PDB file of N, CA and C in Angstrom:
ATOM      1  N   MET A   1      13.372   0.989 -10.846  1.00  0.00           N
ATOM      2  CA  MET A   1      12.177   0.147 -10.768  1.00  0.00           C
ATOM      3  C   MET A   1      11.677   0.017 -12.230  1.00  0.00           C
ATOM      4  N   LYS A   2      11.285  -1.173 -12.463  1.00  0.00           N
ATOM      5  CA  LYS A   2      10.721  -1.497 -13.858  1.00  0.00           C
ATOM      6  C   LYS A   2       9.312  -1.112 -14.071  1.00  0.00           C
ATOM      7  N   GLN A   3       8.395  -1.122 -13.023  1.00  0.00           N
ATOM      8  CA  GLN A   3       7.119  -0.826 -13.012  1.00  0.00           C
ATOM      9  C   GLN A   3       6.751   0.438 -12.275  1.00  0.00           C
ATOM     10  N   THR A   4       7.427   1.576 -12.400  1.00  0.00           N
ATOM     11  CA  THR A   4       7.237   2.830 -11.666  1.00  0.00           C
ATOM     12  C   THR A   4       5.882   3.214 -11.602  1.00  0.00           C
ATOM     13  N   GLU A   5       5.163   3.238 -12.761  1.00  0.00           N
ATOM     14  CA  GLU A   5       3.716   3.706 -12.793  1.00  0.00           C
ATOM     15  C   GLU A   5       2.876   2.786 -11.734  1.00  0.00           C
ATOM     16  N   ALA A   6       3.259   1.516 -11.765  1.00  0.00           N
ATOM     17  CA  ALA A   6       2.323   0.624 -11.000  1.00  0.00           C
ATOM     18  C   ALA A   6       2.582   0.876  -9.458  1.00  0.00           C
ATOM     19  N   VAL A   7       3.954   1.044  -9.079  1.00  0.00           N
ATOM     20  CA  VAL A   7       4.284   1.359  -7.714  1.00  0.00           C
ATOM     21  C   VAL A   7       3.696   2.624  -7.248  1.00  0.00           C
ATOM     22  N   ILE A   8       3.630   3.603  -8.136  1.00  0.00           N
ATOM     23  CA  ILE A   8       2.973   4.840  -7.712  1.00  0.00           C
ATOM     24  C   ILE A   8       1.525   4.726  -7.635  1.00  0.00           C
ATOM     25  N   ALA A   9       0.828   4.006  -8.442  1.00  0.00           N
ATOM     26  CA  ALA A   9      -0.612   3.761  -8.445  1.00  0.00           C
ATOM     27  C   ALA A   9      -0.923   2.886  -7.278  1.00  0.00           C
ATOM     28  N   PHE A  10      -0.151   1.966  -6.892  1.00  0.00           N
ATOM     29  CA  PHE A  10      -0.433   1.166  -5.630  1.00  0.00           C
ATOM     30  C   PHE A  10      -0.317   2.059  -4.455  1.00  0.00           C
ATOM     31  N   GLY A  11       0.649   2.894  -4.358  1.00  0.00           N
ATOM     32  CA  GLY A  11       0.755   3.809  -3.298  1.00  0.00           C
ATOM     33  C   GLY A  11      -0.425   4.728  -3.075  1.00  0.00           C
ATOM     34  N   VAL A  12      -0.952   5.288  -4.143  1.00  0.00           N
ATOM     35  CA  VAL A  12      -2.258   6.106  -4.107  1.00  0.00           C
ATOM     36  C   VAL A  12      -3.341   5.212  -3.556  1.00  0.00           C
ATOM     37  N   HIS A  13      -3.483   3.973  -4.117  1.00  0.00           N
ATOM     38  CA  HIS A  13      -4.616   3.044  -3.764  1.00  0.00           C
ATOM     39  C   HIS A  13      -4.466   2.766  -2.284  1.00  0.00           C
ATOM     40  N   LEU A  14      -3.244   2.486  -1.719  1.00  0.00           N
ATOM     41  CA  LEU A  14      -3.017   2.172  -0.397  1.00  0.00           C
ATOM     42  C   LEU A  14      -3.485   3.342   0.474  1.00  0.00           C
ATOM     43  N   ARG A  15      -3.080   4.535   0.079  1.00  0.00           N
ATOM     44  CA  ARG A  15      -3.424   5.746   0.899  1.00  0.00           C
ATOM     45  C   ARG A  15      -4.958   5.795   0.938  1.00  0.00           C
ATOM     46  N   LYS A  16      -5.688   5.563  -0.151  1.00  0.00           N
ATOM     47  CA  LYS A  16      -7.157   5.778  -0.148  1.00  0.00           C
ATOM     48  C   LYS A  16      -7.805   4.644   0.624  1.00  0.00           C
ATOM     49  N   LEU A  17      -7.258   3.468   0.627  1.00  0.00           N
ATOM     50  CA  LEU A  17      -7.713   2.286   1.585  1.00  0.00           C
ATOM     51  C   LEU A  17      -7.638   2.748   2.962  1.00  0.00           C
ATOM     52  N   ARG A  18      -6.473   3.210   3.401  1.00  0.00           N
ATOM     53  CA  ARG A  18      -6.167   3.593   4.731  1.00  0.00           C
ATOM     54  C   ARG A  18      -7.023   4.778   5.169  1.00  0.00           C
ATOM     55  N   GLU A  19      -7.147   5.813   4.386  1.00  0.00           N
ATOM     56  CA  GLU A  19      -7.982   6.973   4.779  1.00  0.00           C
ATOM     57  C   GLU A  19      -9.358   6.620   4.797  1.00  0.00           C
ATOM     58  N   LYS A  20      -9.863   5.662   3.927  1.00  0.00           N
ATOM     59  CA  LYS A  20     -11.280   5.152   4.041  1.00  0.00           C
ATOM     60  C   LYS A  20     -11.643   4.536   5.321  1.00  0.00           C
ATOM     61  N   ARG A  21     -10.636   4.006   6.039  1.00  0.00           N
ATOM     62  CA  ARG A  21     -10.764   3.401   7.244  1.00  0.00           C
ATOM     63  C   ARG A  21     -10.482   4.328   8.388  1.00  0.00           C
ATOM     64  N   ASN A  22     -10.167   5.634   8.112  1.00  0.00           N
ATOM     65  CA  ASN A  22      -9.858   6.597   9.180  1.00  0.00           C
ATOM     66  C   ASN A  22      -8.634   6.193  10.001  1.00  0.00           C
ATOM     67  N   MET A  23      -7.702   5.652   9.194  1.00  0.00           N
ATOM     68  CA  MET A  23      -6.439   5.171   9.987  1.00  0.00           C
ATOM     69  C   MET A  23      -5.301   6.141   9.615  1.00  0.00           C
ATOM     70  N   SER A  24      -4.405   6.534  10.584  1.00  0.00           N
ATOM     71  CA  SER A  24      -3.257   7.190  10.323  1.00  0.00           C
ATOM     72  C   SER A  24      -2.253   6.198   9.863  1.00  0.00           C
ATOM     73  N   GLN A  25      -1.184   6.765   9.214  1.00  0.00           N
ATOM     74  CA  GLN A  25      -0.028   5.886   8.768  1.00  0.00           C
ATOM     75  C   GLN A  25       0.581   5.115  10.037  1.00  0.00           C
ATOM     76  N   GLN A  26       0.623   5.770  11.179  1.00  0.00           N
ATOM     77  CA  GLN A  26       1.106   5.043  12.351  1.00  0.00           C
ATOM     78  C   GLN A  26       0.170   3.912  12.841  1.00  0.00           C
ATOM     79  N   GLU A  27      -1.123   4.223  12.758  1.00  0.00           N
ATOM     80  CA  GLU A  27      -2.133   3.048  13.145  1.00  0.00           C
ATOM     81  C   GLU A  27      -1.970   1.890  12.139  1.00  0.00           C
ATOM     82  N   LEU A  28      -1.883   2.147  10.793  1.00  0.00           N
ATOM     83  CA  LEU A  28      -1.648   1.074   9.925  1.00  0.00           C
ATOM     84  C   LEU A  28      -0.418   0.341  10.123  1.00  0.00           C
ATOM     85  N   ALA A  29       0.716   1.123  10.369  1.00  0.00           N
ATOM     86  CA  ALA A  29       1.996   0.454  10.671  1.00  0.00           C
ATOM     87  C   ALA A  29       1.916  -0.475  11.902  1.00  0.00           C
ATOM     88  N   ASP A  30       1.238   0.023  12.966  1.00  0.00           N
ATOM     89  CA  ASP A  30       1.036  -0.780  14.134  1.00  0.00           C
ATOM     90  C   ASP A  30       0.180  -2.102  13.935  1.00  0.00           C
ATOM     91  N   MET A  31      -0.850  -1.883  13.119  1.00  0.00           N
ATOM     92  CA  MET A  31      -1.843  -3.110  12.880  1.00  0.00           C
ATOM     93  C   MET A  31      -1.163  -4.034  11.846  1.00  0.00           C
ATOM     94  N   SER A  32      -0.195  -3.536  11.030  1.00  0.00           N
ATOM     95  CA  SER A  32       0.428  -4.410   9.947  1.00  0.00           C
ATOM     96  C   SER A  32       1.771  -4.967  10.507  1.00  0.00           C
ATOM     97  N   ASP A  33       2.320  -4.385  11.618  1.00  0.00           N
ATOM     98  CA  ASP A  33       3.603  -4.883  12.078  1.00  0.00           C
ATOM     99  C   ASP A  33       4.766  -4.468  11.149  1.00  0.00           C
ATOM    100  N   ILE A  34       4.548  -3.333  10.523  1.00  0.00           N
ATOM    101  CA  ILE A  34       5.700  -2.834   9.713  1.00  0.00           C
ATOM    102  C   ILE A  34       5.896  -1.366  10.083  1.00  0.00           C
ATOM    103  N   SER A  35       6.979  -0.775   9.664  1.00  0.00           N
ATOM    104  CA  SER A  35       7.246   0.603  10.088  1.00  0.00           C
ATOM    105  C   SER A  35       6.449   1.705   9.426  1.00  0.00           C
ATOM    106  N   LYS A  36       6.277   2.793  10.115  1.00  0.00           N
ATOM    107  CA  LYS A  36       5.550   3.963   9.510  1.00  0.00           C
ATOM    108  C   LYS A  36       6.258   4.458   8.361  1.00  0.00           C
ATOM    109  N   LYS A  37       7.669   4.450   8.431  1.00  0.00           N
ATOM    110  CA  LYS A  37       8.446   4.921   7.341  1.00  0.00           C
ATOM    111  C   LYS A  37       8.188   4.018   6.026  1.00  0.00           C
ATOM    112  N   THR A  38       8.073   2.745   6.205  1.00  0.00           N
ATOM    113  CA  THR A  38       7.734   1.795   5.168  1.00  0.00           C
ATOM    114  C   THR A  38       6.386   2.202   4.444  1.00  0.00           C
ATOM    115  N   ILE A  39       5.335   2.483   5.255  1.00  0.00           N
ATOM    116  CA  ILE A  39       4.075   3.032   4.898  1.00  0.00           C
ATOM    117  C   ILE A  39       4.304   4.196   4.104  1.00  0.00           C
ATOM    118  N   GLN A  40       5.041   5.229   4.589  1.00  0.00           N
ATOM    119  CA  GLN A  40       5.235   6.532   3.835  1.00  0.00           C
ATOM    120  C   GLN A  40       5.809   6.248   2.543  1.00  0.00           C
ATOM    121  N   ARG A  41       6.836   5.373   2.539  1.00  0.00           N
ATOM    122  CA  ARG A  41       7.649   5.177   1.250  1.00  0.00           C
ATOM    123  C   ARG A  41       6.730   4.506   0.189  1.00  0.00           C
ATOM    124  N   ILE A  42       5.892   3.611   0.756  1.00  0.00           N
ATOM    125  CA  ILE A  42       4.938   2.929  -0.203  1.00  0.00           C
ATOM    126  C   ILE A  42       3.910   3.920  -0.883  1.00  0.00           C
ATOM    127  N   GLU A  43       3.363   4.613   0.096  1.00  0.00           N
ATOM    128  CA  GLU A  43       2.280   5.595  -0.346  1.00  0.00           C
ATOM    129  C   GLU A  43       2.964   6.692  -1.191  1.00  0.00           C
ATOM    130  N   ASN A  44       4.045   7.025  -1.141  1.00  0.00           N
ATOM    131  CA  ASN A  44       4.770   7.982  -2.012  1.00  0.00           C
ATOM    132  C   ASN A  44       5.466   7.406  -3.200  1.00  0.00           C
ATOM    133  N   GLY A  45       5.162   6.152  -3.453  1.00  0.00           N
ATOM    134  CA  GLY A  45       5.714   5.535  -4.649  1.00  0.00           C
ATOM    135  C   GLY A  45       7.180   5.371  -4.697  1.00  0.00           C
ATOM    136  N   LYS A  46       7.737   5.347  -3.490  1.00  0.00           N
ATOM    137  CA  LYS A  46       9.300   5.241  -3.415  1.00  0.00           C
ATOM    138  C   LYS A  46       9.653   3.701  -3.244  1.00  0.00           C
ATOM    139  N   LEU A  47       8.771   2.901  -2.842  1.00  0.00           N
ATOM    140  CA  LEU A  47       9.096   1.572  -2.401  1.00  0.00           C
ATOM    141  C   LEU A  47       8.098   0.520  -3.115  1.00  0.00           C
ATOM    142  N   ASN A  48       8.647  -0.420  -3.688  1.00  0.00           N
ATOM    143  CA  ASN A  48       8.001  -1.589  -4.247  1.00  0.00           C
ATOM    144  C   ASN A  48       7.816  -2.601  -3.241  1.00  0.00           C
ATOM    145  N   PRO A  49       6.659  -2.807  -2.622  1.00  0.00           N
ATOM    146  CA  PRO A  49       6.495  -3.618  -1.433  1.00  0.00           C
ATOM    147  C   PRO A  49       6.718  -5.127  -1.852  1.00  0.00           C
ATOM    148  N   SER A  50       7.251  -5.881  -1.035  1.00  0.00           N
ATOM    149  CA  SER A  50       7.398  -7.321  -1.187  1.00  0.00           C
ATOM    150  C   SER A  50       6.070  -7.956  -0.832  1.00  0.00           C
ATOM    151  N   LEU A  51       5.990  -9.320  -1.262  1.00  0.00           N
ATOM    152  CA  LEU A  51       4.798 -10.098  -1.030  1.00  0.00           C
ATOM    153  C   LEU A  51       4.521 -10.061   0.604  1.00  0.00           C
ATOM    154  N   ASP A  52       5.626 -10.300   1.370  1.00  0.00           N
ATOM    155  CA  ASP A  52       5.445 -10.340   2.803  1.00  0.00           C
ATOM    156  C   ASP A  52       4.864  -8.952   3.356  1.00  0.00           C
ATOM    157  N   THR A  53       5.361  -7.851   2.725  1.00  0.00           N
ATOM    158  CA  THR A  53       4.803  -6.580   3.150  1.00  0.00           C
ATOM    159  C   THR A  53       3.291  -6.437   2.728  1.00  0.00           C
ATOM    160  N   LEU A  54       3.017  -6.883   1.489  1.00  0.00           N
ATOM    161  CA  LEU A  54       1.559  -6.833   1.063  1.00  0.00           C
ATOM    162  C   LEU A  54       0.724  -7.611   1.931  1.00  0.00           C
ATOM    163  N   LEU A  55       1.119  -8.779   2.450  1.00  0.00           N
ATOM    164  CA  LEU A  55       0.325  -9.734   3.334  1.00  0.00           C
ATOM    165  C   LEU A  55       0.185  -9.009   4.674  1.00  0.00           C
ATOM    166  N   CYS A  56       1.204  -8.322   5.147  1.00  0.00           N
ATOM    167  CA  CYS A  56       1.115  -7.588   6.381  1.00  0.00           C
ATOM    168  C   CYS A  56       0.055  -6.400   6.196  1.00  0.00           C
ATOM    169  N   LEU A  57       0.157  -5.634   5.255  1.00  0.00           N
ATOM    170  CA  LEU A  57      -0.728  -4.542   4.954  1.00  0.00           C
ATOM    171  C   LEU A  57      -2.184  -5.009   4.875  1.00  0.00           C
ATOM    172  N   ALA A  58      -2.404  -6.193   4.148  1.00  0.00           N
ATOM    173  CA  ALA A  58      -3.736  -6.819   4.083  1.00  0.00           C
ATOM    174  C   ALA A  58      -4.318  -7.012   5.421  1.00  0.00           C
ATOM    175  N   THR A  59      -3.478  -7.699   6.243  1.00  0.00           N
ATOM    176  CA  THR A  59      -3.834  -8.015   7.629  1.00  0.00           C
ATOM    177  C   THR A  59      -4.183  -6.685   8.367  1.00  0.00           C
ATOM    178  N   GLY A  60      -3.327  -5.763   8.289  1.00  0.00           N
ATOM    179  CA  GLY A  60      -3.632  -4.494   9.028  1.00  0.00           C
ATOM    180  C   GLY A  60      -4.941  -3.767   8.546  1.00  0.00           C
ATOM    181  N   LEU A  61      -5.167  -3.886   7.271  1.00  0.00           N
ATOM    182  CA  LEU A  61      -6.347  -3.218   6.736  1.00  0.00           C
ATOM    183  C   LEU A  61      -7.708  -4.193   6.837  1.00  0.00           C
ATOM    184  N   LYS A  62      -7.421  -5.469   7.252  1.00  0.00           N
ATOM    185  CA  LYS A  62      -8.392  -6.374   7.384  1.00  0.00           C
ATOM    186  C   LYS A  62      -9.102  -6.657   6.044  1.00  0.00           C
ATOM    187  N   LEU A  63      -8.258  -6.962   5.036  1.00  0.00           N
ATOM    188  CA  LEU A  63      -8.673  -7.205   3.681  1.00  0.00           C
ATOM    189  C   LEU A  63      -7.915  -8.478   3.197  1.00  0.00           C
ATOM    190  N   ASN A  64      -8.640  -9.061   2.211  1.00  0.00           N
ATOM    191  CA  ASN A  64      -8.021 -10.208   1.550  1.00  0.00           C
ATOM    192  C   ASN A  64      -6.997  -9.666   0.674  1.00  0.00           C
ATOM    193  N   LEU A  65      -5.819 -10.318   0.405  1.00  0.00           N
ATOM    194  CA  LEU A  65      -4.785  -9.889  -0.513  1.00  0.00           C
ATOM    195  C   LEU A  65      -5.383  -9.435  -1.889  1.00  0.00           C
ATOM    196  N   PRO A  66      -6.242 -10.239  -2.523  1.00  0.00           N
ATOM    197  CA  PRO A  66      -6.733  -9.769  -3.801  1.00  0.00           C
ATOM    198  C   PRO A  66      -7.426  -8.409  -3.743  1.00  0.00           C
ATOM    199  N   LEU A  67      -8.112  -8.047  -2.737  1.00  0.00           N
ATOM    200  CA  LEU A  67      -8.764  -6.740  -2.638  1.00  0.00           C
ATOM    201  C   LEU A  67      -7.741  -5.634  -2.412  1.00  0.00           C
ATOM    202  N   LEU A  68      -6.611  -5.933  -1.698  1.00  0.00           N
ATOM    203  CA  LEU A  68      -5.487  -5.007  -1.547  1.00  0.00           C
ATOM    204  C   LEU A  68      -4.868  -4.605  -2.813  1.00  0.00           C
ATOM    205  N   VAL A  69      -4.753  -5.637  -3.728  1.00  0.00           N
ATOM    206  CA  VAL A  69      -4.016  -5.372  -4.902  1.00  0.00           C
ATOM    207  C   VAL A  69      -4.909  -5.157  -6.164  1.00  0.00           C
ATOM    208  N   ASP A  70      -6.187  -4.817  -5.925  1.00  0.00           N
ATOM    209  CA  ASP A  70      -7.252  -4.601  -6.939  1.00  0.00           C
ATOM    210  C   ASP A  70      -7.236  -3.036  -7.153  1.00  0.00           C
ATOM    211  N   PHE A  71      -6.295  -2.649  -8.137  1.00  0.00           N
ATOM    212  CA  PHE A  71      -6.216  -1.199  -8.459  1.00  0.00           C
ATOM    213  C   PHE A  71      -5.816  -1.085  -9.931  1.00  0.00           C
ATOM    214  N   ASN A  72      -6.105   0.105 -10.475  1.00  0.00           N
ATOM    215  CA  ASN A  72      -5.859   0.444 -11.865  1.00  0.00           C
ATOM    216  C   ASN A  72      -4.340   1.020 -12.057  1.00  0.00           C
ATOM    217  N   ILE A  73      -3.742   0.461 -12.968  1.00  0.00           N
ATOM    218  CA  ILE A  73      -2.443   0.963 -13.390  1.00  0.00           C
ATOM    219  C   ILE A  73      -2.518   1.867 -14.581  1.00  0.00           C
ATOM    220  N   PRO A  74      -2.163   3.069 -14.521  1.00  0.00           N
ATOM    221  CA  PRO A  74      -2.234   3.885 -15.728  1.00  0.00           C
ATOM    222  C   PRO A  74      -1.252   3.480 -16.813  1.00  0.00           C
ATOM    223  N   HIS A  75      -1.602   3.460 -18.045  1.00  0.00           N
ATOM    224  CA  HIS A  75      -0.584   3.045 -19.136  1.00  0.00           C
ATOM    225  C   HIS A  75      -0.367   4.275 -20.034  1.00  0.00           C
ATOM    226  N   ASN A  76       0.852   4.291 -20.413  1.00  0.00           N
ATOM    227  CA  ASN A  76       1.286   5.389 -21.309  1.00  0.00           C
ATOM    228  C   ASN A  76       0.741   5.046 -22.747  1.00  0.00           C
ATOM    229  N   GLN A  77       0.355   6.008 -23.492  1.00  0.00           N
ATOM    230  CA  GLN A  77      -0.064   5.935 -24.787  1.00  0.00           C
ATOM    231  C   GLN A  77       0.906   6.240 -25.832  1.00  0.00           C
TER     232      GLN A  77
END
């Protein structure tokens, strides 16, 4: 992966959004029409989600896509 830090940061961000809504990974998977394994891999920084997956997650979280991808990426110094 070229943007490992961004993938990891997005996973942390997704977990926070999900937990803020008191949703389990399975609930988010069901609402997003993607697998729980995919949610787990994204949250653990092991999967760089496609645009289609991001749109599904936004739908499941009832967010607009820009809000879903509004997170900080740590930069190496």
